[in-house]
Amino acid sequence: MPKKRPLRLVVRDDMISLGVYKPEFDPIIRIYCQLREQYDELTRRFEESDYDFAEETQTGTKKAPIVTTLESLRKDILAYAAQLGLTVQGLQKINPAELKPKKKKTGLEAALDKLEK
């Protein structure tokens, strides 16, 4: 079985392909990846608990702490992803040209481009 690539390298490569990576972002990428790893581990535990959403207390039923933690991690992950340009909205703020539709060339424009080369 091939070895799984570290998440930080996957994120870095994704950012490079989007044209938004800078080495100065590495500390933020590290935090983002730690949050994702925590989220993945807690999600695994939550699934193993058969999605136990509630916890019985003396005063009634309340949301299980794991659910609250997962909700918080989701918000944090989304915020970091946006800051790193890994969401549509975040990418649009960092590199708006990346999301602009590419103008298709007409047949004449394509022919002229070939002549120029």
PDB file of N, CA and C in Angstrom:
ATOM      1  N   MET A   1       0.840  -1.184   0.000  1.00  0.00           N
ATOM      2  CA  MET A   1       0.000   0.000   0.000  1.00  0.00           C
ATOM      3  C   MET A   1       0.886   1.248   0.000  1.00  0.00           C
ATOM      4  N   PRO A   2       0.634   2.184  -0.924  1.00  0.00           N
ATOM      5  CA  PRO A   2       1.482   3.380  -0.978  1.00  0.00           C
ATOM      6  C   PRO A   2       1.326   4.227   0.270  1.00  0.00           C
ATOM      7  N   LYS A   3       2.414   4.863   0.637  1.00  0.00           N
ATOM      8  CA  LYS A   3       2.417   5.704   1.826  1.00  0.00           C
ATOM      9  C   LYS A   3       1.595   6.966   1.569  1.00  0.00           C
ATOM     10  N   LYS A   4       0.776   7.328   2.546  1.00  0.00           N
ATOM     11  CA  LYS A   4      -0.077   8.506   2.422  1.00  0.00           C
ATOM     12  C   LYS A   4       0.776   9.771   2.563  1.00  0.00           C
ATOM     13  N   ARG A   5       0.559  10.724   1.647  1.00  0.00           N
ATOM     14  CA  ARG A   5       1.317  11.982   1.691  1.00  0.00           C
ATOM     15  C   ARG A   5       0.855  12.823   2.868  1.00  0.00           C
ATOM     16  N   PRO A   6       1.772  13.506   3.536  1.00  0.00           N
ATOM     17  CA  PRO A   6       1.364  14.393   4.632  1.00  0.00           C
ATOM     18  C   PRO A   6       0.406  15.476   4.128  1.00  0.00           C
ATOM     19  N   LEU A   7      -0.582  15.773   4.939  1.00  0.00           N
ATOM     20  CA  LEU A   7      -1.603  16.742   4.567  1.00  0.00           C
ATOM     21  C   LEU A   7      -0.991  18.098   4.233  1.00  0.00           C
ATOM     22  N   ARG A   8       0.037  18.507   4.952  1.00  0.00           N
ATOM     23  CA  ARG A   8       0.629  19.826   4.701  1.00  0.00           C
ATOM     24  C   ARG A   8       1.202  19.915   3.285  1.00  0.00           C
ATOM     25  N   LEU A   9       1.724  18.800   2.772  1.00  0.00           N
ATOM     26  CA  LEU A   9       2.237  18.799   1.402  1.00  0.00           C
ATOM     27  C   LEU A   9       1.104  18.838   0.386  1.00  0.00           C
ATOM     28  N   VAL A  10       0.024  18.146   0.686  1.00  0.00           N
ATOM     29  CA  VAL A  10      -1.143  18.171  -0.198  1.00  0.00           C
ATOM     30  C   VAL A  10      -1.709  19.590  -0.263  1.00  0.00           C
ATOM     31  N   VAL A  11      -1.840  20.234   0.907  1.00  0.00           N
ATOM     32  CA  VAL A  11      -2.369  21.601   0.965  1.00  0.00           C
ATOM     33  C   VAL A  11      -1.443  22.555   0.230  1.00  0.00           C
ATOM     34  N   ARG A  12      -0.146  22.423   0.466  1.00  0.00           N
ATOM     35  CA  ARG A  12       0.821  23.288  -0.213  1.00  0.00           C
ATOM     36  C   ARG A  12       0.725  23.138  -1.724  1.00  0.00           C
ATOM     37  N   ASP A  13       0.649  21.887  -2.185  1.00  0.00           N
ATOM     38  CA  ASP A  13       0.544  21.651  -3.631  1.00  0.00           C
ATOM     39  C   ASP A  13      -0.762  22.219  -4.198  1.00  0.00           C
ATOM     40  N   ASP A  14      -1.849  22.083  -3.444  1.00  0.00           N
ATOM     41  CA  ASP A  14      -3.124  22.671  -3.876  1.00  0.00           C
ATOM     42  C   ASP A  14      -2.992  24.187  -4.006  1.00  0.00           C
ATOM     43  N   MET A  15      -2.337  24.805  -3.031  1.00  0.00           N
ATOM     44  CA  MET A  15      -2.166  26.259  -3.070  1.00  0.00           C
ATOM     45  C   MET A  15      -1.259  26.673  -4.232  1.00  0.00           C
ATOM     46  N   ILE A  16      -0.236  25.886  -4.497  1.00  0.00           N
ATOM     47  CA  ILE A  16       0.654  26.185  -5.627  1.00  0.00           C
ATOM     48  C   ILE A  16      -0.136  26.123  -6.924  1.00  0.00           C
ATOM     49  N   SER A  17      -0.966  25.093  -7.069  1.00  0.00           N
ATOM     50  CA  SER A  17      -1.735  24.971  -8.313  1.00  0.00           C
ATOM     51  C   SER A  17      -2.756  26.103  -8.461  1.00  0.00           C
ATOM     52  N   LEU A  18      -3.206  26.665  -7.352  1.00  0.00           N
ATOM     53  CA  LEU A  18      -4.128  27.807  -7.400  1.00  0.00           C
ATOM     54  C   LEU A  18      -3.389  29.141  -7.550  1.00  0.00           C
ATOM     55  N   GLY A  19      -2.069  29.100  -7.417  1.00  0.00           N
ATOM     56  CA  GLY A  19      -1.269  30.319  -7.562  1.00  0.00           C
ATOM     57  C   GLY A  19      -1.312  31.225  -6.342  1.00  0.00           C
ATOM     58  N   VAL A  20      -1.538  30.642  -5.140  1.00  0.00           N
ATOM     59  CA  VAL A  20      -1.640  31.479  -3.943  1.00  0.00           C
ATOM     60  C   VAL A  20      -0.624  31.107  -2.865  1.00  0.00           C
ATOM     61  N   TYR A  21       0.252  30.144  -3.127  1.00  0.00           N
ATOM     62  CA  TYR A  21       1.201  29.699  -2.105  1.00  0.00           C
ATOM     63  C   TYR A  21       2.370  30.660  -1.964  1.00  0.00           C
ATOM     64  N   LYS A  22       2.749  30.898  -0.713  1.00  0.00           N
ATOM     65  CA  LYS A  22       3.982  31.612  -0.371  1.00  0.00           C
ATOM     66  C   LYS A  22       4.561  30.909   0.849  1.00  0.00           C
ATOM     67  N   PRO A  23       5.869  30.764   0.925  1.00  0.00           N
ATOM     68  CA  PRO A  23       6.478  30.073   2.074  1.00  0.00           C
ATOM     69  C   PRO A  23       6.098  30.710   3.415  1.00  0.00           C
ATOM     70  N   GLU A  24       5.784  31.987   3.389  1.00  0.00           N
ATOM     71  CA  GLU A  24       5.400  32.676   4.625  1.00  0.00           C
ATOM     72  C   GLU A  24       4.102  32.117   5.204  1.00  0.00           C
ATOM     73  N   PHE A  25       3.324  31.399   4.394  1.00  0.00           N
ATOM     74  CA  PHE A  25       2.057  30.829   4.856  1.00  0.00           C
ATOM     75  C   PHE A  25       2.251  29.504   5.596  1.00  0.00           C
ATOM     76  N   ASP A  26       3.460  28.955   5.600  1.00  0.00           N
ATOM     77  CA  ASP A  26       3.684  27.634   6.188  1.00  0.00           C
ATOM     78  C   ASP A  26       3.204  27.504   7.639  1.00  0.00           C
ATOM     79  N   PRO A  27       3.418  28.491   8.528  1.00  0.00           N
ATOM     80  CA  PRO A  27       2.889  28.341   9.894  1.00  0.00           C
ATOM     81  C   PRO A  27       1.356  28.237   9.927  1.00  0.00           C
ATOM     82  N   ILE A  28       0.682  28.991   9.091  1.00  0.00           N
ATOM     83  CA  ILE A  28      -0.774  28.929   9.041  1.00  0.00           C
ATOM     84  C   ILE A  28      -1.222  27.597   8.432  1.00  0.00           C
ATOM     85  N   ILE A  29      -0.492  27.133   7.428  1.00  0.00           N
ATOM     86  CA  ILE A  29      -0.800  25.831   6.825  1.00  0.00           C
ATOM     87  C   ILE A  29      -0.671  24.734   7.879  1.00  0.00           C
ATOM     88  N   ARG A  30       0.362  24.830   8.722  1.00  0.00           N
ATOM     89  CA  ARG A  30       0.573  23.838   9.771  1.00  0.00           C
ATOM     90  C   ARG A  30      -0.615  23.806  10.738  1.00  0.00           C
ATOM     91  N   ILE A  31      -1.087  24.976  11.159  1.00  0.00           N
ATOM     92  CA  ILE A  31      -2.234  25.054  12.070  1.00  0.00           C
ATOM     93  C   ILE A  31      -3.483  24.492  11.392  1.00  0.00           C
ATOM     94  N   TYR A  32      -3.703  24.882  10.148  1.00  0.00           N
ATOM     95  CA  TYR A  32      -4.850  24.391   9.384  1.00  0.00           C
ATOM     96  C   TYR A  32      -4.832  22.860   9.322  1.00  0.00           C
ATOM     97  N   CYS A  33      -3.667  22.291   9.054  1.00  0.00           N
ATOM     98  CA  CYS A  33      -3.550  20.840   8.945  1.00  0.00           C
ATOM     99  C   CYS A  33      -3.784  20.163  10.300  1.00  0.00           C
ATOM    100  N   GLN A  34      -3.310  20.775  11.376  1.00  0.00           N
ATOM    101  CA  GLN A  34      -3.567  20.218  12.703  1.00  0.00           C
ATOM    102  C   GLN A  34      -5.065  20.202  13.002  1.00  0.00           C
ATOM    103  N   LEU A  35      -5.748  21.276  12.646  1.00  0.00           N
ATOM    104  CA  LEU A  35      -7.195  21.325  12.848  1.00  0.00           C
ATOM    105  C   LEU A  35      -7.896  20.239  12.043  1.00  0.00           C
ATOM    106  N   ARG A  36      -7.465  20.054  10.805  1.00  0.00           N
ATOM    107  CA  ARG A  36      -8.069  19.013   9.951  1.00  0.00           C
ATOM    108  C   ARG A  36      -7.822  17.624  10.521  1.00  0.00           C
ATOM    109  N   GLU A  37      -6.622  17.386  11.037  1.00  0.00           N
ATOM    110  CA  GLU A  37      -6.310  16.076  11.617  1.00  0.00           C
ATOM    111  C   GLU A  37      -7.143  15.829  12.869  1.00  0.00           C
ATOM    112  N   GLN A  38      -7.297  16.863  13.709  1.00  0.00           N
ATOM    113  CA  GLN A  38      -8.151  16.734  14.893  1.00  0.00           C
ATOM    114  C   GLN A  38      -9.589  16.447  14.479  1.00  0.00           C
ATOM    115  N   TYR A  39     -10.058  17.143  13.482  1.00  0.00           N
ATOM    116  CA  TYR A  39     -11.417  16.955  12.995  1.00  0.00           C
ATOM    117  C   TYR A  39     -11.612  15.531  12.474  1.00  0.00           C
ATOM    118  N   ASP A  40     -10.657  15.047  11.701  1.00  0.00           N
ATOM    119  CA  ASP A  40     -10.752  13.693  11.158  1.00  0.00           C
ATOM    120  C   ASP A  40     -10.789  12.652  12.279  1.00  0.00           C
ATOM    121  N   GLU A  41      -9.944  12.827  13.285  1.00  0.00           N
ATOM    122  CA  GLU A  41      -9.908  11.877  14.408  1.00  0.00           C
ATOM    123  C   GLU A  41     -11.220  11.919  15.200  1.00  0.00           C
ATOM    124  N   LEU A  42     -11.703  13.105  15.507  1.00  0.00           N
ATOM    125  CA  LEU A  42     -12.966  13.207  16.256  1.00  0.00           C
ATOM    126  C   LEU A  42     -14.147  12.691  15.444  1.00  0.00           C
ATOM    127  N   THR A  43     -14.129  12.915  14.147  1.00  0.00           N
ATOM    128  CA  THR A  43     -15.196  12.395  13.296  1.00  0.00           C
ATOM    129  C   THR A  43     -15.181  10.875  13.311  1.00  0.00           C
ATOM    130  N   ARG A  44     -13.994  10.291  13.272  1.00  0.00           N
ATOM    131  CA  ARG A  44     -13.873   8.830  13.341  1.00  0.00           C
ATOM    132  C   ARG A  44     -14.462   8.311  14.649  1.00  0.00           C
ATOM    133  N   ARG A  45     -14.126   8.972  15.769  1.00  0.00           N
ATOM    134  CA  ARG A  45     -14.653   8.558  17.072  1.00  0.00           C
ATOM    135  C   ARG A  45     -16.170   8.728  17.132  1.00  0.00           C
ATOM    136  N   PHE A  46     -16.654   9.820  16.564  1.00  0.00           N
ATOM    137  CA  PHE A  46     -18.094  10.094  16.544  1.00  0.00           C
ATOM    138  C   PHE A  46     -18.830   9.020  15.745  1.00  0.00           C
ATOM    139  N   GLU A  47     -18.254   8.627  14.616  1.00  0.00           N
ATOM    140  CA  GLU A  47     -18.852   7.554  13.810  1.00  0.00           C
ATOM    141  C   GLU A  47     -18.858   6.237  14.572  1.00  0.00           C
ATOM    142  N   GLU A  48     -17.764   5.968  15.294  1.00  0.00           N
ATOM    143  CA  GLU A  48     -17.685   4.733  16.080  1.00  0.00           C
ATOM    144  C   GLU A  48     -18.707   4.706  17.215  1.00  0.00           C
ATOM    145  N   SER A  49     -19.109   5.876  17.690  1.00  0.00           N
ATOM    146  CA  SER A  49     -20.110   5.954  18.759  1.00  0.00           C
ATOM    147  C   SER A  49     -21.524   5.862  18.206  1.00  0.00           C
ATOM    148  N   ASP A  50     -21.643   5.531  16.924  1.00  0.00           N
ATOM    149  CA  ASP A  50     -22.940   5.481  16.239  1.00  0.00           C
ATOM    150  C   ASP A  50     -23.653   6.834  16.303  1.00  0.00           C
ATOM    151  N   TYR A  51     -22.882   7.888  16.156  1.00  0.00           N
ATOM    152  CA  TYR A  51     -23.414   9.253  16.097  1.00  0.00           C
ATOM    153  C   TYR A  51     -24.262   9.587  17.322  1.00  0.00           C
ATOM    154  N   ASP A  52     -23.677   9.365  18.480  1.00  0.00           N
ATOM    155  CA  ASP A  52     -24.371   9.675  19.737  1.00  0.00           C
ATOM    156  C   ASP A  52     -24.379  11.190  19.934  1.00  0.00           C
ATOM    157  N   PHE A  53     -25.490  11.840  19.530  1.00  0.00           N
ATOM    158  CA  PHE A  53     -25.607  13.299  19.547  1.00  0.00           C
ATOM    159  C   PHE A  53     -25.866  13.881  20.927  1.00  0.00           C
ATOM    160  N   ALA A  54     -26.501  13.114  21.787  1.00  0.00           N
ATOM    161  CA  ALA A  54     -26.966  13.666  23.057  1.00  0.00           C
ATOM    162  C   ALA A  54     -26.307  12.970  24.242  1.00  0.00           C
ATOM    163  N   GLU A  55     -26.320  13.687  25.343  1.00  0.00           N
ATOM    164  CA  GLU A  55     -25.761  13.174  26.582  1.00  0.00           C
ATOM    165  C   GLU A  55     -26.788  13.430  27.684  1.00  0.00           C
ATOM    166  N   GLU A  56     -27.101  12.409  28.433  1.00  0.00           N
ATOM    167  CA  GLU A  56     -28.081  12.557  29.516  1.00  0.00           C
ATOM    168  C   GLU A  56     -27.411  13.220  30.716  1.00  0.00           C
ATOM    169  N   THR A  57     -28.084  14.208  31.289  1.00  0.00           N
ATOM    170  CA  THR A  57     -27.614  14.868  32.500  1.00  0.00           C
ATOM    171  C   THR A  57     -28.742  14.848  33.518  1.00  0.00           C
ATOM    172  N   GLN A  58     -28.474  15.361  34.708  1.00  0.00           N
ATOM    173  CA  GLN A  58     -29.500  15.405  35.746  1.00  0.00           C
ATOM    174  C   GLN A  58     -30.644  16.336  35.352  1.00  0.00           C
ATOM    175  N   THR A  59     -30.337  17.347  34.579  1.00  0.00           N
ATOM    176  CA  THR A  59     -31.364  18.322  34.186  1.00  0.00           C
ATOM    177  C   THR A  59     -32.009  18.002  32.850  1.00  0.00           C
ATOM    178  N   GLY A  60     -31.600  16.928  32.220  1.00  0.00           N
ATOM    179  CA  GLY A  60     -32.194  16.549  30.932  1.00  0.00           C
ATOM    180  C   GLY A  60     -31.137  16.119  29.942  1.00  0.00           C
ATOM    181  N   THR A  61     -31.413  16.365  28.687  1.00  0.00           N
ATOM    182  CA  THR A  61     -30.513  15.967  27.612  1.00  0.00           C
ATOM    183  C   THR A  61     -29.804  17.193  27.061  1.00  0.00           C
ATOM    184  N   LYS A  62     -28.506  17.048  26.820  1.00  0.00           N
ATOM    185  CA  LYS A  62     -27.761  18.145  26.195  1.00  0.00           C
ATOM    186  C   LYS A  62     -26.900  17.580  25.080  1.00  0.00           C
ATOM    187  N   LYS A  63     -26.416  18.467  24.242  1.00  0.00           N
ATOM    188  CA  LYS A  63     -25.572  18.072  23.115  1.00  0.00           C
ATOM    189  C   LYS A  63     -24.274  17.466  23.649  1.00  0.00           C
ATOM    190  N   ALA A  64     -23.856  16.366  23.047  1.00  0.00           N
ATOM    191  CA  ALA A  64     -22.612  15.714  23.452  1.00  0.00           C
ATOM    192  C   ALA A  64     -21.428  16.646  23.179  1.00  0.00           C
ATOM    193  N   PRO A  65     -20.435  16.656  24.077  1.00  0.00           N
ATOM    194  CA  PRO A  65     -19.277  17.544  23.885  1.00  0.00           C
ATOM    195  C   PRO A  65     -18.566  17.330  22.547  1.00  0.00           C
ATOM    196  N   ILE A  66     -18.532  16.104  22.061  1.00  0.00           N
ATOM    197  CA  ILE A  66     -17.852  15.849  20.792  1.00  0.00           C
ATOM    198  C   ILE A  66     -18.541  16.585  19.643  1.00  0.00           C
ATOM    199  N   VAL A  67     -19.860  16.708  19.713  1.00  0.00           N
ATOM    200  CA  VAL A  67     -20.608  17.419  18.676  1.00  0.00           C
ATOM    201  C   VAL A  67     -20.245  18.895  18.693  1.00  0.00           C
ATOM    202  N   THR A  68     -20.193  19.476  19.877  1.00  0.00           N
ATOM    203  CA  THR A  68     -19.819  20.891  20.011  1.00  0.00           C
ATOM    204  C   THR A  68     -18.405  21.122  19.498  1.00  0.00           C
ATOM    205  N   THR A  69     -17.504  20.214  19.834  1.00  0.00           N
ATOM    206  CA  THR A  69     -16.114  20.342  19.381  1.00  0.00           C
ATOM    207  C   THR A  69     -16.027  20.233  17.864  1.00  0.00           C
ATOM    208  N   LEU A  70     -16.752  19.295  17.270  1.00  0.00           N
ATOM    209  CA  LEU A  70     -16.746  19.150  15.814  1.00  0.00           C
ATOM    210  C   LEU A  70     -17.287  20.403  15.133  1.00  0.00           C
ATOM    211  N   GLU A  71     -18.352  20.969  15.683  1.00  0.00           N
ATOM    212  CA  GLU A  71     -18.911  22.201  15.111  1.00  0.00           C
ATOM    213  C   GLU A  71     -17.891  23.337  15.160  1.00  0.00           C
ATOM    214  N   SER A  72     -17.207  23.460  16.275  1.00  0.00           N
ATOM    215  CA  SER A  72     -16.194  24.507  16.420  1.00  0.00           C
ATOM    216  C   SER A  72     -15.040  24.293  15.447  1.00  0.00           C
ATOM    217  N   LEU A  73     -14.589  23.050  15.330  1.00  0.00           N
ATOM    218  CA  LEU A  73     -13.501  22.747  14.401  1.00  0.00           C
ATOM    219  C   LEU A  73     -13.908  23.037  12.960  1.00  0.00           C
ATOM    220  N   ARG A  74     -15.146  22.716  12.591  1.00  0.00           N
ATOM    221  CA  ARG A  74     -15.617  23.000  11.229  1.00  0.00           C
ATOM    222  C   ARG A  74     -15.503  24.494  10.925  1.00  0.00           C
ATOM    223  N   LYS A  75     -15.945  25.318  11.862  1.00  0.00           N
ATOM    224  CA  LYS A  75     -15.885  26.772  11.655  1.00  0.00           C
ATOM    225  C   LYS A  75     -14.444  27.250  11.529  1.00  0.00           C
ATOM    226  N   ASP A  76     -13.581  26.738  12.404  1.00  0.00           N
ATOM    227  CA  ASP A  76     -12.174  27.142  12.364  1.00  0.00           C
ATOM    228  C   ASP A  76     -11.506  26.692  11.071  1.00  0.00           C
ATOM    229  N   ILE A  77     -11.776  25.466  10.645  1.00  0.00           N
ATOM    230  CA  ILE A  77     -11.188  24.939   9.414  1.00  0.00           C
ATOM    231  C   ILE A  77     -11.624  25.779   8.223  1.00  0.00           C
ATOM    232  N   LEU A  78     -12.893  26.113   8.177  1.00  0.00           N
ATOM    233  CA  LEU A  78     -13.398  26.929   7.076  1.00  0.00           C
ATOM    234  C   LEU A  78     -12.744  28.311   7.069  1.00  0.00           C
ATOM    235  N   ALA A  79     -12.563  28.898   8.238  1.00  0.00           N
ATOM    236  CA  ALA A  79     -11.923  30.217   8.324  1.00  0.00           C
ATOM    237  C   ALA A  79     -10.471  30.152   7.830  1.00  0.00           C
ATOM    238  N   TYR A  80      -9.730  29.138   8.278  1.00  0.00           N
ATOM    239  CA  TYR A  80      -8.344  28.995   7.830  1.00  0.00           C
ATOM    240  C   TYR A  80      -8.276  28.696   6.336  1.00  0.00           C
ATOM    241  N   ALA A  81      -9.166  27.832   5.853  1.00  0.00           N
ATOM    242  CA  ALA A  81      -9.177  27.498   4.428  1.00  0.00           C
ATOM    243  C   ALA A  81      -9.422  28.747   3.585  1.00  0.00           C
ATOM    244  N   ALA A  82     -10.333  29.593   4.035  1.00  0.00           N
ATOM    245  CA  ALA A  82     -10.613  30.830   3.299  1.00  0.00           C
ATOM    246  C   ALA A  82      -9.390  31.740   3.298  1.00  0.00           C
ATOM    247  N   GLN A  83      -8.711  31.851   4.434  1.00  0.00           N
ATOM    248  CA  GLN A  83      -7.524  32.699   4.508  1.00  0.00           C
ATOM    249  C   GLN A  83      -6.403  32.198   3.610  1.00  0.00           C
ATOM    250  N   LEU A  84      -6.349  30.891   3.414  1.00  0.00           N
ATOM    251  CA  LEU A  84      -5.302  30.305   2.570  1.00  0.00           C
ATOM    252  C   LEU A  84      -5.699  30.236   1.103  1.00  0.00           C
ATOM    253  N   GLY A  85      -6.912  30.687   0.784  1.00  0.00           N
ATOM    254  CA  GLY A  85      -7.356  30.680  -0.606  1.00  0.00           C
ATOM    255  C   GLY A  85      -7.849  29.321  -1.065  1.00  0.00           C
ATOM    256  N   LEU A  86      -8.254  28.467  -0.121  1.00  0.00           N
ATOM    257  CA  LEU A  86      -8.692  27.119  -0.455  1.00  0.00           C
ATOM    258  C   LEU A  86     -10.205  26.991  -0.579  1.00  0.00           C
ATOM    259  N   THR A  87     -10.907  28.110  -0.466  1.00  0.00           N
ATOM    260  CA  THR A  87     -12.346  28.130  -0.732  1.00  0.00           C
ATOM    261  C   THR A  87     -12.578  29.082  -1.900  1.00  0.00           C
ATOM    262  N   VAL A  88     -13.731  28.982  -2.503  1.00  0.00           N
ATOM    263  CA  VAL A  88     -14.037  29.865  -3.638  1.00  0.00           C
ATOM    264  C   VAL A  88     -13.968  31.324  -3.193  1.00  0.00           C
ATOM    265  N   GLN A  89     -14.596  31.633  -2.063  1.00  0.00           N
ATOM    266  CA  GLN A  89     -14.602  33.012  -1.575  1.00  0.00           C
ATOM    267  C   GLN A  89     -13.189  33.483  -1.208  1.00  0.00           C
ATOM    268  N   GLY A  90     -12.429  32.606  -0.551  1.00  0.00           N
ATOM    269  CA  GLY A  90     -11.059  32.967  -0.180  1.00  0.00           C
ATOM    270  C   GLY A  90     -10.178  33.168  -1.392  1.00  0.00           C
ATOM    271  N   LEU A  91     -10.312  32.294  -2.381  1.00  0.00           N
ATOM    272  CA  LEU A  91      -9.521  32.422  -3.608  1.00  0.00           C
ATOM    273  C   LEU A  91      -9.885  33.701  -4.352  1.00  0.00           C
ATOM    274  N   GLN A  92     -11.157  34.026  -4.349  1.00  0.00           N
ATOM    275  CA  GLN A  92     -11.595  35.236  -5.042  1.00  0.00           C
ATOM    276  C   GLN A  92     -10.983  36.486  -4.417  1.00  0.00           C
ATOM    277  N   LYS A  93     -10.805  36.483  -3.097  1.00  0.00           N
ATOM    278  CA  LYS A  93     -10.193  37.632  -2.432  1.00  0.00           C
ATOM    279  C   LYS A  93      -8.699  37.713  -2.716  1.00  0.00           C
ATOM    280  N   ILE A  94      -8.042  36.559  -2.779  1.00  0.00           N
ATOM    281  CA  ILE A  94      -6.594  36.537  -2.976  1.00  0.00           C
ATOM    282  C   ILE A  94      -6.214  36.696  -4.443  1.00  0.00           C
ATOM    283  N   ASN A  95      -6.911  35.965  -5.315  1.00  0.00           N
ATOM    284  CA  ASN A  95      -6.534  35.922  -6.726  1.00  0.00           C
ATOM    285  C   ASN A  95      -7.793  35.937  -7.592  1.00  0.00           C
ATOM    286  N   PRO A  96      -8.439  37.108  -7.721  1.00  0.00           N
ATOM    287  CA  PRO A  96      -9.703  37.165  -8.450  1.00  0.00           C
ATOM    288  C   PRO A  96      -9.592  36.717  -9.912  1.00  0.00           C
ATOM    289  N   ALA A  97      -8.447  36.878 -10.508  1.00  0.00           N
ATOM    290  CA  ALA A  97      -8.275  36.496 -11.918  1.00  0.00           C
ATOM    291  C   ALA A  97      -8.416  34.988 -12.100  1.00  0.00           C
ATOM    292  N   GLU A  98      -8.115  34.213 -11.057  1.00  0.00           N
ATOM    293  CA  GLU A  98      -8.191  32.755 -11.148  1.00  0.00           C
ATOM    294  C   GLU A  98      -9.616  32.276 -11.408  1.00  0.00           C
ATOM    295  N   LEU A  99     -10.603  33.011 -10.911  1.00  0.00           N
ATOM    296  CA  LEU A  99     -11.998  32.570 -11.033  1.00  0.00           C
ATOM    297  C   LEU A  99     -12.750  33.208 -12.190  1.00  0.00           C
ATOM    298  N   LYS A 100     -12.126  34.146 -12.883  1.00  0.00           N
ATOM    299  CA  LYS A 100     -12.805  34.762 -14.016  1.00  0.00           C
ATOM    300  C   LYS A 100     -12.924  33.745 -15.134  1.00  0.00           C
ATOM    301  N   PRO A 101     -14.072  33.719 -15.798  1.00  0.00           N
ATOM    302  CA  PRO A 101     -14.210  32.768 -16.910  1.00  0.00           C
ATOM    303  C   PRO A 101     -13.210  33.095 -18.008  1.00  0.00           C
ATOM    304  N   LYS A 102     -12.631  32.045 -18.537  1.00  0.00           N
ATOM    305  CA  LYS A 102     -11.665  32.224 -19.627  1.00  0.00           C
ATOM    306  C   LYS A 102     -12.430  32.534 -20.912  1.00  0.00           C
ATOM    307  N   LYS A 103     -12.006  33.590 -21.576  1.00  0.00           N
ATOM    308  CA  LYS A 103     -12.649  33.983 -22.823  1.00  0.00           C
ATOM    309  C   LYS A 103     -12.192  33.031 -23.922  1.00  0.00           C
ATOM    310  N   LYS A 104     -13.156  32.444 -24.587  1.00  0.00           N
ATOM    311  CA  LYS A 104     -12.824  31.542 -25.688  1.00  0.00           C
ATOM    312  C   LYS A 104     -12.455  32.370 -26.907  1.00  0.00           C
ATOM    313  N   LYS A 105     -11.449  31.888 -27.597  1.00  0.00           N
ATOM    314  CA  LYS A 105     -11.001  32.585 -28.803  1.00  0.00           C
ATOM    315  C   LYS A 105     -11.881  32.184 -29.976  1.00  0.00           C
ATOM    316  N   THR A 106     -12.112  33.135 -30.821  1.00  0.00           N
ATOM    317  CA  THR A 106     -12.824  32.834 -32.051  1.00  0.00           C
ATOM    318  C   THR A 106     -11.871  32.106 -32.987  1.00  0.00           C
ATOM    319  N   GLY A 107     -12.407  31.553 -34.041  1.00  0.00           N
ATOM    320  CA  GLY A 107     -11.565  30.856 -35.016  1.00  0.00           C
ATOM    321  C   GLY A 107     -10.518  31.775 -35.601  1.00  0.00           C
ATOM    322  N   LEU A 108     -10.905  33.024 -35.853  1.00  0.00           N
ATOM    323  CA  LEU A 108      -9.971  33.995 -36.417  1.00  0.00           C
ATOM    324  C   LEU A 108      -8.856  34.303 -35.428  1.00  0.00           C
ATOM    325  N   GLU A 109      -9.201  34.503 -34.143  1.00  0.00           N
ATOM    326  CA  GLU A 109      -8.186  34.792 -33.130  1.00  0.00           C
ATOM    327  C   GLU A 109      -7.208  33.623 -32.994  1.00  0.00           C
ATOM    328  N   ALA A 110      -7.716  32.411 -32.989  1.00  0.00           N
ATOM    329  CA  ALA A 110      -6.851  31.236 -32.880  1.00  0.00           C
ATOM    330  C   ALA A 110      -5.908  31.148 -34.075  1.00  0.00           C
ATOM    331  N   ALA A 111      -6.425  31.431 -35.281  1.00  0.00           N
ATOM    332  CA  ALA A 111      -5.591  31.387 -36.482  1.00  0.00           C
ATOM    333  C   ALA A 111      -4.510  32.457 -36.437  1.00  0.00           C
ATOM    334  N   LEU A 112      -4.868  33.645 -35.972  1.00  0.00           N
ATOM    335  CA  LEU A 112      -3.882  34.722 -35.857  1.00  0.00           C
ATOM    336  C   LEU A 112      -2.819  34.390 -34.838  1.00  0.00           C
ATOM    337  N   ASP A 113      -3.217  33.760 -33.712  1.00  0.00           N
ATOM    338  CA  ASP A 113      -2.239  33.355 -32.704  1.00  0.00           C
ATOM    339  C   ASP A 113      -1.243  32.361 -33.296  1.00  0.00           C
ATOM    340  N   LYS A 114      -1.713  31.439 -34.122  1.00  0.00           N
ATOM    341  CA  LYS A 114      -0.832  30.447 -34.731  1.00  0.00           C
ATOM    342  C   LYS A 114       0.148  31.112 -35.673  1.00  0.00           C
ATOM    343  N   LEU A 115      -0.313  32.140 -36.393  1.00  0.00           N
ATOM    344  CA  LEU A 115       0.556  32.857 -37.313  1.00  0.00           C
ATOM    345  C   LEU A 115       1.651  33.612 -36.575  1.00  0.00           C
ATOM    346  N   GLU A 116       1.313  34.148 -35.394  1.00  0.00           N
ATOM    347  CA  GLU A 116       2.289  34.890 -34.600  1.00  0.00           C
ATOM    348  C   GLU A 116       3.401  34.006 -34.092  1.00  0.00           C
ATOM    349  N   LYS A 117       3.090  32.733 -33.860  1.00  0.00           N
ATOM    350  CA  LYS A 117       4.092  31.801 -33.306  1.00  0.00           C
ATOM    351  C   LYS A 117       4.940  31.294 -34.382  1.00  0.00           C
TER     352      LYS A 117
END
